[in-house]
Amino acid sequence: MKIPDDFPREAAVSSLSGAQPKVAVRLDANSGKYVSGPTEEDVQERYEVCADLVTQLVAKCRSNRSTKYSHLSETQILERLLAQLLGTAWGTAEGMKWVIRSTAAQLGWTIAPGAGVLSTLLG
């Protein structure tokens, strides 16, 4: 599975106690090297989770657009979905923003320039 170039590849955040200087790395079992960020396998795993979320959200939006979401604009639907995703532990904030951007793209929905919160969050 090819990972798109726009998929976020955040660096791992680490905190190590003690007074001595430290470097936060881990041994990658596949390569036998010490790495400080996510491995390609880590990114692949996160991508698969996010891609699955996109598929689910596209289906949800299509099925609910004329019923449950009929009173909402496309931007409002995306804002609600993003807020829900950010409240879960399914991925990083950047990953969840990518999910919403990808969902909108697959649905052919555009984010209005005046969509304050959503435009600010998605960049």
Protein backbone atom coordinates (compact mmCIF):
# COMPACT_ATOMS: atom_id res chain seq x y z
CA MET A 1 0.00 0.00 0.00
CA LYS A 2 1.47 3.32 -1.11
CA ILE A 3 1.44 6.03 1.54
CA PRO A 4 0.54 9.45 0.07
CA ASP A 5 3.15 12.20 0.37
CA ASP A 6 0.72 14.40 2.32
CA PHE A 7 0.25 11.80 5.08
CA PRO A 8 1.73 13.17 8.33
CA ARG A 9 4.93 11.62 9.61
CA GLU A 10 5.26 13.16 13.05
CA ALA A 11 8.35 12.71 15.12
CA ALA A 12 7.95 10.75 18.32
CA VAL A 13 7.87 12.81 21.49
CA SER A 14 9.83 11.40 24.41
CA SER A 15 10.52 12.41 27.95
CA LEU A 16 13.34 10.88 29.95
CA SER A 17 13.96 11.57 33.61
CA GLY A 18 17.30 12.20 35.25
CA ALA A 19 19.99 14.84 35.34
CA GLN A 20 22.31 13.33 32.73
CA PRO A 21 21.85 14.23 29.05
CA LYS A 22 19.97 11.53 27.13
CA VAL A 23 18.96 10.69 23.62
CA ALA A 24 15.55 9.07 23.12
CA VAL A 25 16.02 6.28 20.59
CA ARG A 26 14.83 2.73 20.26
CA LEU A 27 16.12 -0.33 18.48
CA ASP A 28 14.17 -1.12 15.34
CA ALA A 29 13.90 -4.90 15.25
CA ASN A 30 13.51 -5.00 11.46
CA SER A 31 16.52 -2.91 10.53
CA GLY A 32 18.69 -3.51 13.60
CA LYS A 33 19.31 0.24 13.80
CA TYR A 34 18.51 2.77 16.47
CA VAL A 35 15.78 5.18 15.40
CA SER A 36 14.39 8.33 16.97
CA GLY A 37 11.21 8.72 14.93
CA PRO A 38 8.57 6.42 13.57
CA THR A 39 9.76 3.56 11.38
CA GLU A 40 8.23 2.95 7.97
CA GLU A 41 6.25 0.11 9.55
CA ASP A 42 4.88 2.53 12.17
CA VAL A 43 3.85 5.01 9.49
CA GLN A 44 2.31 2.20 7.40
CA GLU A 45 0.27 0.99 10.38
CA ARG A 46 -0.98 4.52 11.17
CA TYR A 47 -1.79 5.10 7.51
CA GLU A 48 -3.86 1.91 7.33
CA VAL A 49 -5.89 3.00 10.37
CA CYS A 50 -6.43 6.49 8.94
CA ALA A 51 -7.29 5.18 5.46
CA ASP A 52 -9.88 2.86 7.03
CA LEU A 53 -11.37 5.84 8.90
CA VAL A 54 -11.61 7.77 5.62
CA THR A 55 -13.50 4.87 4.01
CA GLN A 56 -15.89 4.68 6.96
CA LEU A 57 -16.48 8.44 7.06
CA VAL A 58 -17.10 8.68 3.31
CA ALA A 59 -19.74 5.94 3.60
CA LYS A 60 -21.26 7.61 6.68
CA CYS A 61 -21.45 11.02 4.98
CA ARG A 62 -22.98 9.58 1.81
CA SER A 63 -25.63 7.62 3.69
CA ASN A 64 -26.50 10.43 6.12
CA ARG A 65 -26.22 13.46 3.82
CA SER A 66 -29.92 13.53 2.96
CA THR A 67 -31.19 12.41 6.37
CA LYS A 68 -29.28 12.95 9.60
CA TYR A 69 -27.03 15.67 8.13
CA SER A 70 -29.61 17.31 5.83
CA HIS A 71 -29.74 20.53 7.88
CA LEU A 72 -25.94 20.92 7.92
CA SER A 73 -23.59 22.29 5.30
CA GLU A 74 -20.68 20.17 4.10
CA THR A 75 -18.32 22.33 6.13
CA GLN A 76 -20.42 21.88 9.28
CA ILE A 77 -20.44 18.10 8.80
CA LEU A 78 -16.64 18.07 8.44
CA GLU A 79 -16.25 20.31 11.52
CA ARG A 80 -18.37 17.94 13.59
CA LEU A 81 -16.49 14.89 12.37
CA LEU A 82 -13.12 16.52 13.08
CA ALA A 83 -14.20 17.46 16.60
CA GLN A 84 -15.31 13.87 17.22
CA LEU A 85 -12.07 12.44 15.85
CA LEU A 86 -9.92 14.80 17.92
CA GLY A 87 -11.78 13.56 21.01
CA THR A 88 -10.73 9.96 20.37
CA ALA A 89 -7.41 8.21 20.83
CA TRP A 90 -7.43 6.84 17.28
CA GLY A 91 -4.44 8.86 16.14
CA THR A 92 -2.60 12.12 16.36
CA ALA A 93 -4.26 15.46 15.71
CA GLU A 94 -2.34 15.75 12.44
CA GLY A 95 -3.49 12.28 11.43
CA MET A 96 -7.13 13.12 12.17
CA LYS A 97 -6.86 16.35 10.17
CA TRP A 98 -5.51 14.30 7.26
CA VAL A 99 -8.50 11.98 7.61
CA ILE A 100 -10.92 14.91 7.29
CA ARG A 101 -9.06 16.43 4.33
CA SER A 102 -9.04 13.04 2.58
CA THR A 103 -12.71 12.44 3.36
CA ALA A 104 -13.63 15.83 1.90
CA ALA A 105 -11.53 15.14 -1.20
CA GLN A 106 -13.13 11.74 -1.80
CA LEU A 107 -16.59 13.22 -1.40
CA GLY A 108 -15.72 16.11 -3.70
CA TRP A 109 -16.55 18.59 -0.94
CA THR A 110 -14.69 21.86 -0.66
CA ILE A 111 -14.02 23.69 2.56
CA ALA A 112 -15.37 27.19 2.26
CA PRO A 113 -12.74 29.94 2.71
CA GLY A 114 -14.90 31.50 5.44
CA ALA A 115 -15.13 28.26 7.41
CA GLY A 116 -13.18 29.77 10.31
CA VAL A 117 -12.42 26.91 12.67
CA LEU A 118 -12.13 24.19 10.05
CA SER A 119 -9.96 26.28 7.73
CA THR A 120 -7.70 27.19 10.63
CA LEU A 121 -7.36 23.61 11.86
CA LEU A 122 -6.81 22.05 8.45
CA GLY A 123 -4.46 24.76 7.25
